[in-house]
Amino acid sequence: LQWSSPPEAIERFKAQEIWFPPPQFYEFCRLCNFSSLEELQQFSSARALEGCERWMPVMLNAADGFIQLLPGDELYPEDPDYTGEKKIILSTDKKVEDVMKEGGVFHRIVMKDINNLAVYVNIQAKYKHINPLMIKCDNSDYNSRL
């Protein structure tokens, strides 16, 4: 067990010293917006009554990786499979880089492998929430359209 700040945890993840799944990577990127626990507590208290949105990431299999699509992303389905019963699988023969270059409205986590993640968000967060910082663990650059 080791206590780390969100930026420290992300750096340890990038160095492959620790691993956490994409939803936690996303939340660590969101926590990087706050410089102290007090600031986080103030934000949480201020937006506590605003509501929440139910999320279910939708996986898009690409030729060389995966993209977890989140609500608000232009590729996110209108009727996502919240229960897993429909077994919907989105796939493309395109490479991740090509899918990213074609897009313009992003709310997604790009995964080349388990230690190579990147968060891309250019939508307005709902319910006065805060978007994650766009942090990536590789050298790709898909920001040209952001």
N, C-alpha and C. Protein backbone atom coordinates (compact mmCIF):
# COMPACT_ATOMS: atom_id res chain seq x y z
N LEU A 1 0.84 -1.17 0.00
CA LEU A 1 0.00 0.00 0.00
C LEU A 1 0.88 1.23 0.00
N GLN A 2 0.55 2.19 -0.87
CA GLN A 2 1.30 3.43 -0.92
C GLN A 2 0.36 4.57 -1.24
N TRP A 3 0.46 5.64 -0.47
CA TRP A 3 -0.35 6.83 -0.72
C TRP A 3 0.33 7.64 -1.82
N SER A 4 -0.44 8.03 -2.83
CA SER A 4 0.08 8.85 -3.91
C SER A 4 -0.97 9.88 -4.29
N SER A 5 -0.52 11.04 -4.69
CA SER A 5 -1.43 12.02 -5.24
C SER A 5 -1.86 11.53 -6.63
N PRO A 6 -2.96 12.03 -7.17
CA PRO A 6 -3.35 11.60 -8.52
C PRO A 6 -2.25 11.79 -9.57
N PRO A 7 -1.56 12.94 -9.62
CA PRO A 7 -0.48 13.06 -10.60
C PRO A 7 0.65 12.04 -10.37
N GLU A 8 0.97 11.77 -9.12
CA GLU A 8 2.01 10.78 -8.81
C GLU A 8 1.56 9.38 -9.25
N ALA A 9 0.30 9.06 -9.01
CA ALA A 9 -0.22 7.74 -9.41
C ALA A 9 -0.16 7.58 -10.93
N ILE A 10 -0.51 8.63 -11.65
CA ILE A 10 -0.45 8.57 -13.11
C ILE A 10 0.99 8.41 -13.58
N GLU A 11 1.91 9.11 -12.96
CA GLU A 11 3.33 8.96 -13.34
C GLU A 11 3.82 7.54 -13.06
N ARG A 12 3.39 6.96 -11.95
CA ARG A 12 3.78 5.58 -11.64
C ARG A 12 3.13 4.61 -12.63
N PHE A 13 1.92 4.92 -13.07
CA PHE A 13 1.25 4.12 -14.09
C PHE A 13 2.02 4.20 -15.40
N LYS A 14 2.40 5.42 -15.81
CA LYS A 14 3.18 5.61 -17.05
C LYS A 14 4.50 4.84 -17.01
N ALA A 15 5.11 4.81 -15.83
CA ALA A 15 6.38 4.09 -15.66
C ALA A 15 6.17 2.59 -15.50
N GLN A 16 4.93 2.14 -15.55
CA GLN A 16 4.54 0.74 -15.40
C GLN A 16 4.94 0.16 -14.04
N GLU A 17 4.95 1.02 -13.02
CA GLU A 17 5.20 0.56 -11.65
C GLU A 17 3.92 0.07 -11.00
N ILE A 18 2.79 0.61 -11.44
CA ILE A 18 1.48 0.18 -10.95
C ILE A 18 0.54 0.12 -12.15
N TRP A 19 -0.61 -0.49 -11.94
CA TRP A 19 -1.62 -0.55 -13.00
C TRP A 19 -2.98 -0.33 -12.37
N PHE A 20 -3.84 0.37 -13.07
CA PHE A 20 -5.24 0.46 -12.71
C PHE A 20 -6.07 0.49 -13.99
N PRO A 21 -7.31 0.00 -13.93
CA PRO A 21 -8.14 -0.10 -15.13
C PRO A 21 -8.56 1.28 -15.65
N PRO A 22 -9.03 1.32 -16.91
CA PRO A 22 -9.39 2.60 -17.53
C PRO A 22 -10.34 3.50 -16.73
N PRO A 23 -11.38 2.96 -16.08
CA PRO A 23 -12.24 3.89 -15.33
C PRO A 23 -11.50 4.61 -14.20
N GLN A 24 -10.57 3.93 -13.56
CA GLN A 24 -9.80 4.57 -12.50
C GLN A 24 -8.79 5.56 -13.09
N PHE A 25 -8.21 5.22 -14.25
CA PHE A 25 -7.32 6.16 -14.93
C PHE A 25 -8.08 7.46 -15.24
N TYR A 26 -9.30 7.32 -15.75
CA TYR A 26 -10.16 8.46 -16.05
C TYR A 26 -10.38 9.31 -14.79
N GLU A 27 -10.71 8.66 -13.67
CA GLU A 27 -10.97 9.39 -12.44
C GLU A 27 -9.71 10.05 -11.88
N PHE A 28 -8.56 9.38 -12.00
CA PHE A 28 -7.31 10.03 -11.59
C PHE A 28 -7.07 11.29 -12.42
N CYS A 29 -7.36 11.21 -13.72
CA CYS A 29 -7.22 12.40 -14.58
C CYS A 29 -8.18 13.50 -14.17
N ARG A 30 -9.35 13.13 -13.71
CA ARG A 30 -10.32 14.13 -13.22
C ARG A 30 -9.83 14.74 -11.91
N LEU A 31 -9.29 13.90 -11.03
CA LEU A 31 -8.79 14.39 -9.74
C LEU A 31 -7.59 15.32 -9.89
N CYS A 32 -6.89 15.23 -11.01
CA CYS A 32 -5.74 16.11 -11.25
C CYS A 32 -6.14 17.58 -11.37
N ASN A 33 -7.42 17.86 -11.49
CA ASN A 33 -7.90 19.24 -11.53
C ASN A 33 -7.83 19.93 -10.17
N PHE A 34 -7.63 19.16 -9.11
CA PHE A 34 -7.67 19.71 -7.76
C PHE A 34 -6.29 19.63 -7.12
N SER A 35 -5.88 20.72 -6.51
CA SER A 35 -4.54 20.75 -5.91
C SER A 35 -4.53 20.31 -4.46
N SER A 36 -5.70 20.15 -3.86
CA SER A 36 -5.75 19.73 -2.46
C SER A 36 -7.06 18.99 -2.19
N LEU A 37 -7.07 18.23 -1.10
CA LEU A 37 -8.31 17.56 -0.68
C LEU A 37 -9.38 18.58 -0.32
N GLU A 38 -8.96 19.70 0.25
CA GLU A 38 -9.92 20.75 0.61
C GLU A 38 -10.61 21.30 -0.64
N GLU A 39 -9.85 21.52 -1.70
CA GLU A 39 -10.42 22.01 -2.94
C GLU A 39 -11.40 20.99 -3.54
N LEU A 40 -11.04 19.73 -3.48
CA LEU A 40 -11.92 18.67 -3.95
C LEU A 40 -13.20 18.62 -3.12
N GLN A 41 -13.08 18.74 -1.82
CA GLN A 41 -14.25 18.72 -0.94
C GLN A 41 -15.17 19.90 -1.23
N GLN A 42 -14.61 21.07 -1.47
CA GLN A 42 -15.42 22.25 -1.79
C GLN A 42 -16.17 22.05 -3.10
N PHE A 43 -15.48 21.52 -4.09
CA PHE A 43 -16.13 21.23 -5.37
C PHE A 43 -17.25 20.22 -5.18
N SER A 44 -16.97 19.14 -4.46
CA SER A 44 -17.96 18.08 -4.25
C SER A 44 -19.19 18.61 -3.53
N SER A 45 -18.97 19.41 -2.52
CA SER A 45 -20.10 19.97 -1.78
C SER A 45 -20.93 20.91 -2.64
N ALA A 46 -20.27 21.70 -3.48
CA ALA A 46 -20.97 22.67 -4.31
C ALA A 46 -21.84 22.01 -5.38
N ARG A 47 -21.45 20.85 -5.87
CA ARG A 47 -22.20 20.22 -6.94
C ARG A 47 -22.98 18.99 -6.48
N ALA A 48 -23.02 18.73 -5.19
CA ALA A 48 -23.62 17.51 -4.66
C ALA A 48 -25.08 17.31 -5.05
N LEU A 49 -25.83 18.37 -5.17
CA LEU A 49 -27.26 18.24 -5.46
C LEU A 49 -27.58 18.35 -6.95
N GLU A 50 -26.58 18.45 -7.78
CA GLU A 50 -26.79 18.64 -9.22
C GLU A 50 -27.26 17.39 -9.94
N GLY A 51 -26.93 16.23 -9.42
CA GLY A 51 -27.33 14.99 -10.07
C GLY A 51 -26.15 14.26 -10.67
N CYS A 52 -26.44 13.10 -11.18
CA CYS A 52 -25.42 12.24 -11.77
C CYS A 52 -25.96 11.67 -13.07
N GLU A 53 -25.05 11.20 -13.88
CA GLU A 53 -25.39 10.56 -15.14
C GLU A 53 -24.95 9.11 -15.09
N ARG A 54 -25.81 8.22 -15.54
CA ARG A 54 -25.45 6.80 -15.60
C ARG A 54 -24.56 6.60 -16.82
N TRP A 55 -23.44 5.95 -16.61
CA TRP A 55 -22.49 5.71 -17.68
C TRP A 55 -22.30 4.22 -17.89
N MET A 56 -22.13 3.88 -19.14
CA MET A 56 -21.69 2.55 -19.50
C MET A 56 -20.75 2.73 -20.68
N PRO A 57 -19.46 2.50 -20.48
CA PRO A 57 -18.55 2.61 -21.62
C PRO A 57 -18.93 1.61 -22.71
N VAL A 58 -18.78 2.05 -23.94
CA VAL A 58 -19.02 1.17 -25.08
C VAL A 58 -17.68 0.98 -25.77
N MET A 59 -17.29 -0.26 -25.93
CA MET A 59 -15.98 -0.58 -26.50
C MET A 59 -16.06 -0.60 -28.02
N LEU A 60 -15.12 0.11 -28.64
CA LEU A 60 -14.94 0.07 -30.09
C LEU A 60 -13.61 -0.62 -30.35
N ASN A 61 -13.65 -1.78 -30.97
CA ASN A 61 -12.43 -2.52 -31.32
C ASN A 61 -11.89 -1.95 -32.63
N ALA A 62 -10.65 -1.49 -32.60
CA ALA A 62 -9.98 -0.99 -33.80
C ALA A 62 -8.90 -2.00 -34.20
N ALA A 63 -8.28 -1.75 -35.33
CA ALA A 63 -7.27 -2.69 -35.84
C ALA A 63 -6.07 -2.82 -34.92
N ASP A 64 -5.72 -1.76 -34.21
CA ASP A 64 -4.52 -1.79 -33.38
C ASP A 64 -4.75 -1.36 -31.93
N GLY A 65 -5.99 -1.43 -31.48
CA GLY A 65 -6.28 -1.05 -30.10
C GLY A 65 -7.78 -0.95 -29.88
N PHE A 66 -8.15 -0.26 -28.81
CA PHE A 66 -9.54 -0.14 -28.41
C PHE A 66 -9.84 1.31 -28.04
N ILE A 67 -11.09 1.68 -28.19
CA ILE A 67 -11.54 2.99 -27.74
C ILE A 67 -12.77 2.76 -26.88
N GLN A 68 -12.71 3.22 -25.63
CA GLN A 68 -13.89 3.18 -24.78
C GLN A 68 -14.65 4.48 -25.01
N LEU A 69 -15.82 4.37 -25.60
CA LEU A 69 -16.67 5.52 -25.88
C LEU A 69 -17.53 5.81 -24.65
N LEU A 70 -17.65 7.08 -24.32
CA LEU A 70 -18.43 7.51 -23.16
C LEU A 70 -19.54 8.46 -23.61
N PRO A 71 -20.57 8.66 -22.78
CA PRO A 71 -21.69 9.51 -23.17
C PRO A 71 -21.22 10.89 -23.66
N GLY A 72 -21.80 11.33 -24.77
CA GLY A 72 -21.45 12.61 -25.35
C GLY A 72 -20.50 12.49 -26.53
N ASP A 73 -19.77 11.38 -26.61
CA ASP A 73 -18.87 11.15 -27.75
C ASP A 73 -19.72 10.95 -29.00
N GLU A 74 -19.22 11.45 -30.14
CA GLU A 74 -19.99 11.35 -31.38
C GLU A 74 -20.24 9.91 -31.83
N LEU A 75 -19.43 8.97 -31.39
CA LEU A 75 -19.62 7.57 -31.75
C LEU A 75 -20.41 6.77 -30.71
N TYR A 76 -20.75 7.41 -29.58
CA TYR A 76 -21.49 6.71 -28.53
C TYR A 76 -22.90 6.39 -29.03
N PRO A 77 -23.35 5.15 -28.90
CA PRO A 77 -24.68 4.78 -29.41
C PRO A 77 -25.80 5.49 -28.66
N GLU A 78 -26.89 5.72 -29.39
CA GLU A 78 -28.06 6.36 -28.77
C GLU A 78 -28.69 5.48 -27.71
N ASP A 79 -28.61 4.16 -27.90
CA ASP A 79 -29.21 3.20 -26.97
C ASP A 79 -28.14 2.21 -26.51
N PRO A 80 -27.29 2.63 -25.57
CA PRO A 80 -26.20 1.73 -25.14
C PRO A 80 -26.74 0.51 -24.39
N ASP A 81 -25.96 -0.52 -24.38
CA ASP A 81 -26.30 -1.77 -23.72
C ASP A 81 -25.88 -1.68 -22.25
N TYR A 82 -26.77 -1.20 -21.38
CA TYR A 82 -26.44 -1.00 -19.97
C TYR A 82 -26.32 -2.30 -19.19
N THR A 83 -26.93 -3.38 -19.69
CA THR A 83 -26.95 -4.63 -18.93
C THR A 83 -25.97 -5.68 -19.46
N GLY A 84 -25.52 -5.53 -20.68
CA GLY A 84 -24.64 -6.52 -21.29
C GLY A 84 -25.38 -7.66 -21.95
N GLU A 85 -26.70 -7.59 -21.94
CA GLU A 85 -27.51 -8.67 -22.50
C GLU A 85 -27.50 -8.67 -24.03
N LYS A 86 -27.35 -7.50 -24.65
CA LYS A 86 -27.42 -7.41 -26.11
C LYS A 86 -26.12 -7.85 -26.78
N LYS A 87 -25.05 -7.88 -26.03
CA LYS A 87 -23.73 -8.30 -26.55
C LYS A 87 -23.33 -7.52 -27.80
N ILE A 88 -23.55 -6.20 -27.77
CA ILE A 88 -23.19 -5.34 -28.90
C ILE A 88 -21.68 -5.14 -28.92
N ILE A 89 -21.09 -5.39 -30.08
CA ILE A 89 -19.65 -5.19 -30.25
C ILE A 89 -19.46 -4.24 -31.43
N LEU A 90 -18.85 -3.10 -31.17
CA LEU A 90 -18.51 -2.17 -32.24
C LEU A 90 -17.09 -2.46 -32.68
N SER A 91 -16.87 -2.50 -33.97
CA SER A 91 -15.52 -2.75 -34.45
C SER A 91 -15.30 -2.04 -35.78
N THR A 92 -14.03 -1.83 -36.08
CA THR A 92 -13.63 -1.21 -37.33
C THR A 92 -12.30 -1.80 -37.76
N ASP A 93 -12.05 -1.79 -39.05
CA ASP A 93 -10.76 -2.22 -39.58
C ASP A 93 -9.74 -1.09 -39.54
N LYS A 94 -10.18 0.11 -39.19
CA LYS A 94 -9.30 1.27 -39.14
C LYS A 94 -8.41 1.20 -37.91
N LYS A 95 -7.28 1.87 -37.99
CA LYS A 95 -6.40 2.02 -36.84
C LYS A 95 -6.96 3.10 -35.93
N VAL A 96 -6.58 3.04 -34.66
CA VAL A 96 -7.03 4.02 -33.68
C VAL A 96 -6.73 5.44 -34.18
N GLU A 97 -5.53 5.65 -34.69
CA GLU A 97 -5.13 6.98 -35.17
C GLU A 97 -6.09 7.49 -36.24
N ASP A 98 -6.52 6.64 -37.14
CA ASP A 98 -7.45 7.06 -38.20
C ASP A 98 -8.83 7.39 -37.64
N VAL A 99 -9.30 6.59 -36.70
CA VAL A 99 -10.59 6.87 -36.06
C VAL A 99 -10.52 8.22 -35.35
N MET A 100 -9.41 8.48 -34.68
CA MET A 100 -9.26 9.74 -33.95
C MET A 100 -9.19 10.93 -34.91
N LYS A 101 -8.50 10.79 -36.01
CA LYS A 101 -8.37 11.90 -36.97
C LYS A 101 -9.70 12.24 -37.63
N GLU A 102 -10.57 11.25 -37.77
CA GLU A 102 -11.86 11.48 -38.40
C GLU A 102 -12.87 12.11 -37.44
N GLY A 103 -12.60 12.03 -36.16
CA GLY A 103 -13.55 12.50 -35.16
C GLY A 103 -13.40 13.97 -34.81
N GLY A 104 -14.41 14.48 -34.13
CA GLY A 104 -14.36 15.86 -33.69
C GLY A 104 -14.95 16.09 -32.30
N VAL A 105 -15.89 15.24 -31.88
CA VAL A 105 -16.52 15.37 -30.57
C VAL A 105 -16.12 14.15 -29.76
N PHE A 106 -15.22 14.39 -28.79
CA PHE A 106 -14.61 13.29 -28.07
C PHE A 106 -15.01 13.25 -26.60
N HIS A 107 -15.30 12.05 -26.14
CA HIS A 107 -15.38 11.69 -24.72
C HIS A 107 -15.03 10.22 -24.68
N ARG A 108 -13.72 9.94 -24.64
CA ARG A 108 -13.26 8.57 -24.82
C ARG A 108 -11.92 8.31 -24.16
N ILE A 109 -11.69 7.03 -23.96
CA ILE A 109 -10.40 6.54 -23.47
C ILE A 109 -9.84 5.66 -24.57
N VAL A 110 -8.66 6.01 -25.05
CA VAL A 110 -8.00 5.26 -26.11
C VAL A 110 -7.00 4.31 -25.46
N MET A 111 -7.04 3.04 -25.86
CA MET A 111 -6.17 2.02 -25.29
C MET A 111 -5.43 1.28 -26.40
N LYS A 112 -4.12 1.39 -26.39
CA LYS A 112 -3.31 0.60 -27.32
C LYS A 112 -2.94 -0.73 -26.67
N ASP A 113 -2.72 -0.72 -25.36
CA ASP A 113 -2.54 -1.93 -24.56
C ASP A 113 -2.83 -1.55 -23.11
N ILE A 114 -2.64 -2.46 -22.18
CA ILE A 114 -3.08 -2.19 -20.80
C ILE A 114 -2.30 -1.07 -20.11
N ASN A 115 -1.11 -0.74 -20.60
CA ASN A 115 -0.32 0.34 -20.01
C ASN A 115 -0.24 1.57 -20.91
N ASN A 116 -1.03 1.60 -21.95
CA ASN A 116 -0.95 2.67 -22.92
C ASN A 116 -2.35 3.26 -23.10
N LEU A 117 -2.72 4.18 -22.23
CA LEU A 117 -4.05 4.80 -22.22
C LEU A 117 -3.94 6.29 -22.49
N ALA A 118 -5.02 6.85 -23.01
CA ALA A 118 -5.10 8.29 -23.20
C ALA A 118 -6.56 8.70 -23.07
N VAL A 119 -6.81 9.80 -22.38
CA VAL A 119 -8.15 10.34 -22.21
C VAL A 119 -8.30 11.54 -23.13
N TYR A 120 -9.38 11.55 -23.91
CA TYR A 120 -9.68 12.67 -24.81
C TYR A 120 -11.10 13.14 -24.55
N VAL A 121 -11.24 14.39 -24.15
CA VAL A 121 -12.55 14.96 -23.84
C VAL A 121 -12.59 16.39 -24.34
N ASN A 122 -13.58 16.69 -25.16
CA ASN A 122 -13.80 18.09 -25.56
C ASN A 122 -15.28 18.45 -25.51
N ILE A 123 -16.02 17.75 -24.67
CA ILE A 123 -17.44 18.05 -24.48
C ILE A 123 -17.61 18.76 -23.14
N GLN A 124 -18.73 19.40 -22.96
CA GLN A 124 -19.06 20.03 -21.68
C GLN A 124 -19.60 18.96 -20.74
N ALA A 125 -19.02 18.86 -19.56
CA ALA A 125 -19.50 17.89 -18.57
C ALA A 125 -20.89 18.28 -18.08
N LYS A 126 -21.72 17.29 -17.84
CA LYS A 126 -23.08 17.54 -17.35
C LYS A 126 -23.07 17.71 -15.83
N TYR A 127 -24.14 18.30 -15.33
CA TYR A 127 -24.39 18.42 -13.90
C TYR A 127 -23.28 19.16 -13.16
N LYS A 128 -22.72 20.16 -13.81
CA LYS A 128 -21.65 20.98 -13.22
C LYS A 128 -20.45 20.14 -12.78
N HIS A 129 -20.28 19.01 -13.45
CA HIS A 129 -19.12 18.19 -13.12
C HIS A 129 -17.89 18.77 -13.80
N ILE A 130 -16.77 18.15 -13.59
CA ILE A 130 -15.52 18.64 -14.17
C ILE A 130 -14.93 17.54 -15.05
N ASN A 131 -14.45 17.95 -16.20
CA ASN A 131 -13.83 17.00 -17.12
C ASN A 131 -12.46 16.60 -16.62
N PRO A 132 -12.01 15.41 -17.00
CA PRO A 132 -10.64 15.01 -16.65
C PRO A 132 -9.65 15.81 -17.47
N LEU A 133 -8.45 15.95 -16.95
CA LEU A 133 -7.37 16.49 -17.76
C LEU A 133 -7.06 15.47 -18.84
N MET A 134 -6.76 15.92 -20.02
CA MET A 134 -6.45 14.98 -21.11
C MET A 134 -5.00 14.56 -20.98
N ILE A 135 -4.82 13.37 -20.42
CA ILE A 135 -3.49 12.83 -20.17
C ILE A 135 -3.35 11.56 -20.99
N LYS A 136 -2.18 11.38 -21.57
CA LYS A 136 -1.93 10.16 -22.33
C LYS A 136 -0.63 9.53 -21.88
N CYS A 137 -0.56 8.23 -22.04
CA CYS A 137 0.62 7.48 -21.62
C CYS A 137 1.43 6.99 -22.80
N ASP A 138 1.26 7.64 -23.94
CA ASP A 138 2.03 7.27 -25.12
C ASP A 138 2.46 8.54 -25.84
N ASN A 139 3.02 8.41 -27.02
CA ASN A 139 3.49 9.57 -27.77
C ASN A 139 2.58 9.97 -28.91
N SER A 140 1.39 9.39 -29.00
CA SER A 140 0.49 9.76 -30.08
C SER A 140 -0.06 11.16 -29.86
N ASP A 141 -0.44 11.80 -30.96
CA ASP A 141 -0.97 13.16 -30.87
C ASP A 141 -2.24 13.25 -31.70
N TYR A 142 -3.37 13.17 -31.03
CA TYR A 142 -4.67 13.26 -31.72
C TYR A 142 -5.32 14.60 -31.41
N ASN A 143 -4.56 15.57 -30.91
CA ASN A 143 -5.12 16.84 -30.48
C ASN A 143 -5.36 17.81 -31.62
N SER A 144 -4.99 17.48 -32.84
CA SER A 144 -5.09 18.42 -33.93
C SER A 144 -6.53 18.85 -34.18
N ARG A 145 -7.51 18.04 -33.82
CA ARG A 145 -8.90 18.37 -34.04
C ARG A 145 -9.59 18.87 -32.78
N LEU A 146 -8.87 18.93 -31.65
CA LEU A 146 -9.50 19.33 -30.39
C LEU A 146 -9.61 20.83 -30.28
